[in-house]
N, C-alpha and C. Protein backbone atom coordinates (compact mmCIF):
# COMPACT_ATOMS: atom_id res chain seq x y z
N MET A 1 22.94 -7.29 20.43
CA MET A 1 22.55 -7.70 19.49
C MET A 1 22.55 -6.25 18.44
N LEU A 2 22.27 -5.12 18.58
CA LEU A 2 22.66 -4.09 17.62
C LEU A 2 24.02 -3.53 18.02
N HIS A 3 24.57 -3.92 18.93
CA HIS A 3 25.89 -3.37 19.19
C HIS A 3 25.55 -1.67 19.30
N VAL A 4 24.62 -1.46 20.11
CA VAL A 4 24.92 0.35 20.54
C VAL A 4 25.22 0.32 21.87
N GLY A 5 26.20 1.23 22.20
CA GLY A 5 26.16 1.56 23.46
C GLY A 5 25.05 2.57 23.87
N VAL A 6 24.37 2.22 25.11
CA VAL A 6 23.30 3.34 25.48
C VAL A 6 23.46 4.65 25.68
N GLU A 7 24.63 4.93 26.59
CA GLU A 7 25.26 5.95 26.61
C GLU A 7 25.87 7.03 25.82
N ASP A 8 26.50 6.24 24.52
CA ASP A 8 27.40 6.74 23.55
C ASP A 8 26.40 6.71 22.40
N GLY A 9 25.43 5.80 22.04
CA GLY A 9 24.92 5.77 20.56
C GLY A 9 25.71 5.32 19.74
N LEU A 10 25.50 5.82 18.32
CA LEU A 10 26.21 4.90 17.28
C LEU A 10 26.97 6.26 16.85
N GLU A 11 28.51 5.99 16.55
CA GLU A 11 29.65 6.79 16.17
C GLU A 11 28.92 7.36 14.40
N GLU A 12 29.48 8.30 13.96
CA GLU A 12 29.10 8.38 12.84
C GLU A 12 29.59 7.67 11.56
N GLU A 13 30.88 7.14 11.87
CA GLU A 13 31.25 6.05 10.63
C GLU A 13 30.35 5.10 10.84
N GLU A 14 29.80 4.54 11.92
CA GLU A 14 29.00 3.28 11.91
C GLU A 14 27.51 3.73 11.33
N VAL A 15 27.19 4.96 11.31
CA VAL A 15 25.80 5.41 10.70
C VAL A 15 26.07 5.37 9.17
N VAL A 16 27.07 5.94 8.95
CA VAL A 16 27.44 5.92 7.59
C VAL A 16 27.46 4.30 7.10
N ARG A 17 28.29 3.57 7.78
CA ARG A 17 28.17 1.84 7.17
C ARG A 17 26.77 1.38 6.98
N ARG A 18 26.24 1.31 8.38
CA ARG A 18 25.35 0.98 8.10
C ARG A 18 24.05 1.34 7.01
N ARG A 19 23.97 2.71 7.04
CA ARG A 19 23.04 3.23 5.73
C ARG A 19 23.62 2.76 4.57
N SER A 20 24.95 2.63 4.31
CA SER A 20 25.24 2.13 2.95
C SER A 20 24.87 0.64 2.82
N HIS A 21 25.03 -0.34 3.97
CA HIS A 21 24.54 -1.60 4.10
C HIS A 21 22.81 -1.58 3.84
N HIS A 22 22.26 -1.11 4.94
CA HIS A 22 20.80 -1.52 4.92
C HIS A 22 19.96 -0.22 4.03
N GLY A 23 20.66 0.71 3.68
CA GLY A 23 19.71 1.76 3.11
C GLY A 23 19.26 2.98 3.87
N PRO A 24 18.53 4.02 3.59
CA PRO A 24 17.95 4.92 4.25
C PRO A 24 16.86 4.24 5.22
N ASN A 25 16.47 4.99 6.32
CA ASN A 25 15.68 4.39 6.77
C ASN A 25 14.38 5.26 6.52
N GLN A 26 13.62 4.99 5.62
CA GLN A 26 12.57 5.84 5.17
C GLN A 26 11.26 4.98 4.39
N LEU A 27 10.14 5.31 4.63
CA LEU A 27 9.23 4.60 4.15
C LEU A 27 9.31 4.74 2.24
N ARG A 28 9.12 3.76 1.48
CA ARG A 28 9.22 3.75 0.18
C ARG A 28 8.03 4.84 -0.31
N LYS A 29 8.39 5.62 -1.24
CA LYS A 29 7.53 6.43 -2.15
C LYS A 29 6.89 5.67 -3.18
N HIS A 30 5.65 5.90 -3.08
CA HIS A 30 4.70 5.23 -4.25
C HIS A 30 3.84 6.23 -4.84
N LEU A 31 3.97 6.03 -6.20
CA LEU A 31 3.15 7.07 -6.98
C LEU A 31 1.68 7.03 -6.64
N ARG A 32 0.96 8.25 -7.06
CA ARG A 32 -0.26 8.65 -6.54
C ARG A 32 -1.16 7.72 -7.49
N ARG A 33 -2.02 6.65 -7.29
CA ARG A 33 -2.52 5.73 -8.07
C ARG A 33 -3.85 6.40 -8.57
N SER A 34 -4.35 6.57 -9.58
CA SER A 34 -5.26 7.07 -10.13
C SER A 34 -6.74 6.16 -9.98
N GLY A 35 -7.90 6.99 -10.07
CA GLY A 35 -8.99 6.09 -9.91
C GLY A 35 -9.16 4.94 -10.75
N TRP A 36 -8.59 5.42 -11.97
CA TRP A 36 -8.72 4.18 -13.29
C TRP A 36 -7.98 3.19 -12.84
N SER A 37 -6.77 3.24 -12.16
CA SER A 37 -5.76 2.18 -12.01
C SER A 37 -6.87 1.33 -10.71
N ILE A 38 -7.08 1.89 -9.98
CA ILE A 38 -7.81 1.18 -9.08
C ILE A 38 -8.97 0.52 -9.55
N LEU A 39 -9.45 1.06 -10.16
CA LEU A 39 -11.15 0.48 -10.77
C LEU A 39 -10.41 -0.90 -11.51
N ILE A 40 -9.55 -0.76 -12.60
CA ILE A 40 -9.01 -2.06 -13.24
C ILE A 40 -8.32 -2.84 -12.26
N ALA A 41 -8.01 -2.79 -11.02
CA ALA A 41 -7.41 -3.84 -10.20
C ALA A 41 -8.59 -4.52 -9.68
N GLN A 42 -9.88 -4.11 -9.79
CA GLN A 42 -10.96 -4.71 -9.31
C GLN A 42 -11.42 -5.61 -10.03
N PHE A 43 -11.10 -5.67 -11.48
CA PHE A 43 -11.25 -6.75 -12.39
C PHE A 43 -10.29 -7.88 -12.44
N GLN A 44 -9.08 -7.82 -11.77
CA GLN A 44 -7.78 -8.41 -11.73
C GLN A 44 -7.95 -9.74 -10.47
N SER A 45 -8.75 -10.06 -10.37
CA SER A 45 -9.07 -11.26 -9.20
C SER A 45 -9.69 -12.36 -9.83
N LEU A 46 -9.36 -13.65 -9.45
CA LEU A 46 -9.89 -14.69 -9.90
C LEU A 46 -11.41 -14.68 -9.69
N ILE A 47 -11.88 -14.30 -8.65
CA ILE A 47 -13.26 -14.33 -8.29
C ILE A 47 -14.17 -13.45 -9.35
N VAL A 48 -13.49 -12.42 -9.88
CA VAL A 48 -14.31 -11.69 -10.97
C VAL A 48 -14.23 -12.33 -12.06
N VAL A 49 -13.03 -12.78 -12.52
CA VAL A 49 -13.04 -13.61 -13.50
C VAL A 49 -14.01 -14.78 -13.57
N LEU A 50 -14.13 -15.62 -12.51
CA LEU A 50 -15.08 -16.71 -12.73
C LEU A 50 -16.61 -16.18 -12.72
N LEU A 51 -16.76 -15.15 -12.18
CA LEU A 51 -18.12 -14.56 -12.23
C LEU A 51 -18.27 -13.86 -13.61
N VAL A 52 -17.42 -13.42 -14.42
CA VAL A 52 -17.71 -12.87 -15.52
C VAL A 52 -18.10 -14.41 -16.28
N ALA A 53 -17.03 -15.21 -16.16
CA ALA A 53 -17.21 -16.56 -17.13
C ALA A 53 -18.80 -17.26 -16.61
N ALA A 54 -19.17 -17.36 -15.53
CA ALA A 54 -20.53 -17.62 -15.08
C ALA A 54 -21.65 -16.68 -15.85
N ALA A 55 -21.36 -15.54 -16.05
CA ALA A 55 -22.43 -14.70 -16.27
C ALA A 55 -22.30 -14.61 -18.15
N ALA A 56 -21.36 -15.04 -18.57
CA ALA A 56 -21.29 -15.47 -20.14
C ALA A 56 -21.86 -16.45 -20.36
N VAL A 57 -21.72 -17.81 -19.67
CA VAL A 57 -22.08 -19.01 -19.74
C VAL A 57 -23.85 -19.05 -19.67
N ALA A 58 -24.44 -18.13 -18.47
CA ALA A 58 -25.68 -18.06 -18.74
C ALA A 58 -26.40 -17.30 -19.75
N PHE A 59 -25.71 -16.10 -20.32
CA PHE A 59 -26.28 -15.74 -21.68
C PHE A 59 -26.26 -16.65 -22.80
N VAL A 60 -25.15 -17.23 -22.82
CA VAL A 60 -25.13 -18.24 -23.79
C VAL A 60 -26.48 -19.28 -24.10
N PHE A 61 -26.43 -19.66 -22.44
CA PHE A 61 -27.50 -20.76 -22.59
C PHE A 61 -28.97 -20.26 -22.67
N GLY A 62 -29.27 -19.12 -22.69
CA GLY A 62 -30.37 -18.14 -22.74
C GLY A 62 -30.74 -17.92 -21.37
N GLU A 63 -30.02 -17.90 -20.29
CA GLU A 63 -30.69 -17.71 -19.05
C GLU A 63 -30.20 -16.23 -18.71
N THR A 64 -31.25 -15.31 -19.33
CA THR A 64 -30.64 -13.98 -19.25
C THR A 64 -30.70 -13.14 -17.97
N LEU A 65 -31.93 -13.84 -17.19
CA LEU A 65 -32.00 -13.49 -15.67
C LEU A 65 -31.14 -13.58 -14.73
N GLU A 66 -30.42 -15.00 -15.00
CA GLU A 66 -29.29 -15.14 -14.26
C GLU A 66 -27.91 -14.26 -14.43
N GLY A 67 -27.88 -14.33 -15.75
CA GLY A 67 -26.64 -13.56 -16.14
C GLY A 67 -26.67 -12.11 -15.67
N TRP A 68 -27.99 -11.54 -15.95
CA TRP A 68 -27.91 -10.10 -15.35
C TRP A 68 -27.46 -9.96 -13.78
N ALA A 69 -28.26 -11.23 -13.11
CA ALA A 69 -27.96 -11.28 -11.64
C ALA A 69 -26.58 -11.37 -11.38
N VAL A 70 -25.79 -12.32 -12.23
CA VAL A 70 -24.12 -12.10 -12.10
C VAL A 70 -23.71 -10.86 -12.27
N GLY A 71 -24.23 -10.22 -13.02
CA GLY A 71 -23.50 -9.02 -13.58
C GLY A 71 -23.81 -8.01 -12.58
N VAL A 72 -25.03 -7.82 -11.81
CA VAL A 72 -25.18 -7.02 -10.66
C VAL A 72 -24.12 -7.11 -9.76
N VAL A 73 -24.07 -8.83 -9.41
CA VAL A 73 -23.21 -8.93 -8.38
C VAL A 73 -21.83 -8.43 -8.33
N ILE A 74 -21.15 -8.49 -9.81
CA ILE A 74 -19.98 -8.07 -10.44
C ILE A 74 -19.93 -6.39 -10.02
N GLY A 75 -21.12 -5.86 -10.38
CA GLY A 75 -21.07 -4.59 -10.44
C GLY A 75 -21.10 -3.88 -9.02
N LEU A 76 -21.78 -4.87 -7.74
CA LEU A 76 -21.50 -4.36 -6.56
C LEU A 76 -20.24 -4.86 -5.91
N ASN A 77 -19.61 -5.68 -6.59
CA ASN A 77 -18.33 -6.26 -5.79
C ASN A 77 -17.12 -5.01 -6.30
N THR A 78 -17.52 -4.71 -7.48
CA THR A 78 -16.41 -3.71 -7.87
C THR A 78 -16.50 -2.41 -7.44
N ALA A 79 -17.80 -1.89 -7.40
CA ALA A 79 -17.87 -0.50 -6.36
C ALA A 79 -17.35 -0.71 -5.05
N ILE A 80 -17.88 -1.91 -4.08
CA ILE A 80 -17.44 -1.68 -2.99
C ILE A 80 -15.90 -1.79 -2.80
N GLY A 81 -15.40 -3.03 -3.70
CA GLY A 81 -13.92 -3.05 -3.86
C GLY A 81 -13.42 -1.69 -4.25
N PHE A 82 -13.86 -0.95 -4.96
CA PHE A 82 -13.29 0.20 -5.69
C PHE A 82 -13.30 1.52 -4.53
N PHE A 83 -14.42 1.72 -3.75
CA PHE A 83 -14.40 2.74 -2.72
C PHE A 83 -13.61 2.27 -1.51
N THR A 84 -13.52 1.05 -1.35
CA THR A 84 -12.87 0.77 0.00
C THR A 84 -11.26 0.90 -0.39
N GLU A 85 -10.93 0.72 -1.42
CA GLU A 85 -9.57 0.61 -1.85
C GLU A 85 -9.24 2.03 -2.19
N ARG A 86 -9.85 2.87 -2.79
CA ARG A 86 -9.79 4.17 -3.07
C ARG A 86 -9.69 4.96 -1.76
N GLY A 87 -10.32 4.73 -0.63
CA GLY A 87 -10.14 5.43 0.74
C GLY A 87 -8.81 4.92 1.13
N ALA A 88 -8.87 3.80 1.30
CA ALA A 88 -7.40 3.29 1.86
C ALA A 88 -6.06 3.90 1.34
N VAL A 89 -6.30 3.92 0.13
CA VAL A 89 -5.12 4.76 -0.87
C VAL A 89 -4.94 6.14 -0.13
N ARG A 90 -6.25 6.72 -0.42
CA ARG A 90 -5.92 8.28 -0.24
C ARG A 90 -5.62 8.45 1.57
N SER A 91 -5.95 7.63 2.46
CA SER A 91 -5.49 7.65 3.84
C SER A 91 -4.11 7.50 3.81
N MET A 92 -3.29 6.54 3.23
CA MET A 92 -2.19 6.11 3.25
C MET A 92 -1.48 7.31 2.62
N GLU A 93 -1.90 8.03 1.34
CA GLU A 93 -1.32 9.03 0.88
C GLU A 93 -1.50 10.34 1.86
N GLY A 94 -2.38 10.42 2.81
CA GLY A 94 -2.52 11.43 3.33
C GLY A 94 -1.58 11.46 4.68
N LEU A 95 -1.25 9.73 5.05
CA LEU A 95 -0.32 10.26 6.37
C LEU A 95 0.79 10.34 5.59
N TYR A 96 1.52 9.92 4.63
CA TYR A 96 2.68 10.03 3.95
C TYR A 96 2.70 11.75 3.88
N ALA A 97 1.58 12.29 3.51
CA ALA A 97 1.80 13.63 3.43
C ALA A 97 2.22 14.55 4.72
N LEU A 98 1.94 13.86 5.57
CA LEU A 98 2.10 14.23 6.77
C LEU A 98 3.31 15.13 6.99
N GLY A 99 4.09 14.57 6.41
CA GLY A 99 5.50 15.02 6.61
C GLY A 99 6.67 14.59 7.49
N SER A 100 7.30 15.29 7.63
CA SER A 100 8.33 14.59 8.38
C SER A 100 8.25 14.73 10.17
N VAL A 101 8.88 14.02 10.51
CA VAL A 101 8.90 13.69 11.95
C VAL A 101 10.15 13.53 12.45
N ASN A 102 10.53 14.40 13.51
CA ASN A 102 11.95 14.15 13.92
C ASN A 102 11.72 13.37 15.34
N THR A 103 13.22 12.82 15.35
CA THR A 103 13.31 12.03 16.44
C THR A 103 14.70 12.32 17.00
N ARG A 104 14.81 12.19 18.35
CA ARG A 104 16.26 12.39 19.03
C ARG A 104 16.95 10.75 18.99
N VAL A 105 18.18 11.11 18.76
CA VAL A 105 19.38 10.16 18.82
C VAL A 105 20.47 10.66 19.48
N ARG A 106 21.22 9.12 19.80
CA ARG A 106 22.53 9.65 20.31
C ARG A 106 23.61 9.18 19.60
N ARG A 107 24.41 9.89 18.88
CA ARG A 107 25.52 9.96 18.09
C ARG A 107 26.82 10.16 19.07
N GLY A 108 27.65 9.55 18.75
CA GLY A 108 29.08 9.75 19.79
C GLY A 108 28.78 10.37 20.94
N GLY A 109 27.72 10.30 22.11
CA GLY A 109 27.90 10.68 23.26
C GLY A 109 26.92 11.94 23.38
N ARG A 110 26.25 12.43 21.78
CA ARG A 110 25.67 13.44 22.11
C ARG A 110 24.38 13.24 21.51
N VAL A 111 23.34 14.02 22.06
CA VAL A 111 22.05 13.92 21.80
C VAL A 111 21.49 14.84 20.61
N LEU A 112 21.06 14.41 19.54
CA LEU A 112 20.86 15.09 18.32
C LEU A 112 19.23 14.79 17.93
N GLU A 113 18.72 15.70 17.20
CA GLU A 113 17.44 15.62 16.45
C GLU A 113 17.66 15.35 15.01
N ILE A 114 16.92 14.41 14.51
CA ILE A 114 17.20 14.16 13.18
C ILE A 114 15.91 13.88 12.53
N PRO A 115 15.68 13.67 11.11
CA PRO A 115 14.23 13.54 10.66
C PRO A 115 14.32 11.90 10.95
N ALA A 116 12.98 11.43 10.99
CA ALA A 116 12.76 10.01 11.36
C ALA A 116 12.63 9.52 10.21
């Protein structure tokens, strides 16, 4: 399937050919996300738009208690989503920052250690 000999591994020419065809074997680098971009993203879902519309309709019809209740729900949803996503983003950034891991490969019958 991968056309690699177990004893010999890949030849350097094949490594170069595969890298030029498939690209390097690495995680995509992402820019650090600011707290503001994470917060703004919380308001870009259909559910939040519908809740904002419901609050607006409630206020227009004089149902201020219901409007404020929906506003509190929007606030809670935003806070929970923000802190959850911020934690996940920071965790992923931390994992990426752990740095380089090396692995052993067979190239032309020799065992080499290269960055994973």
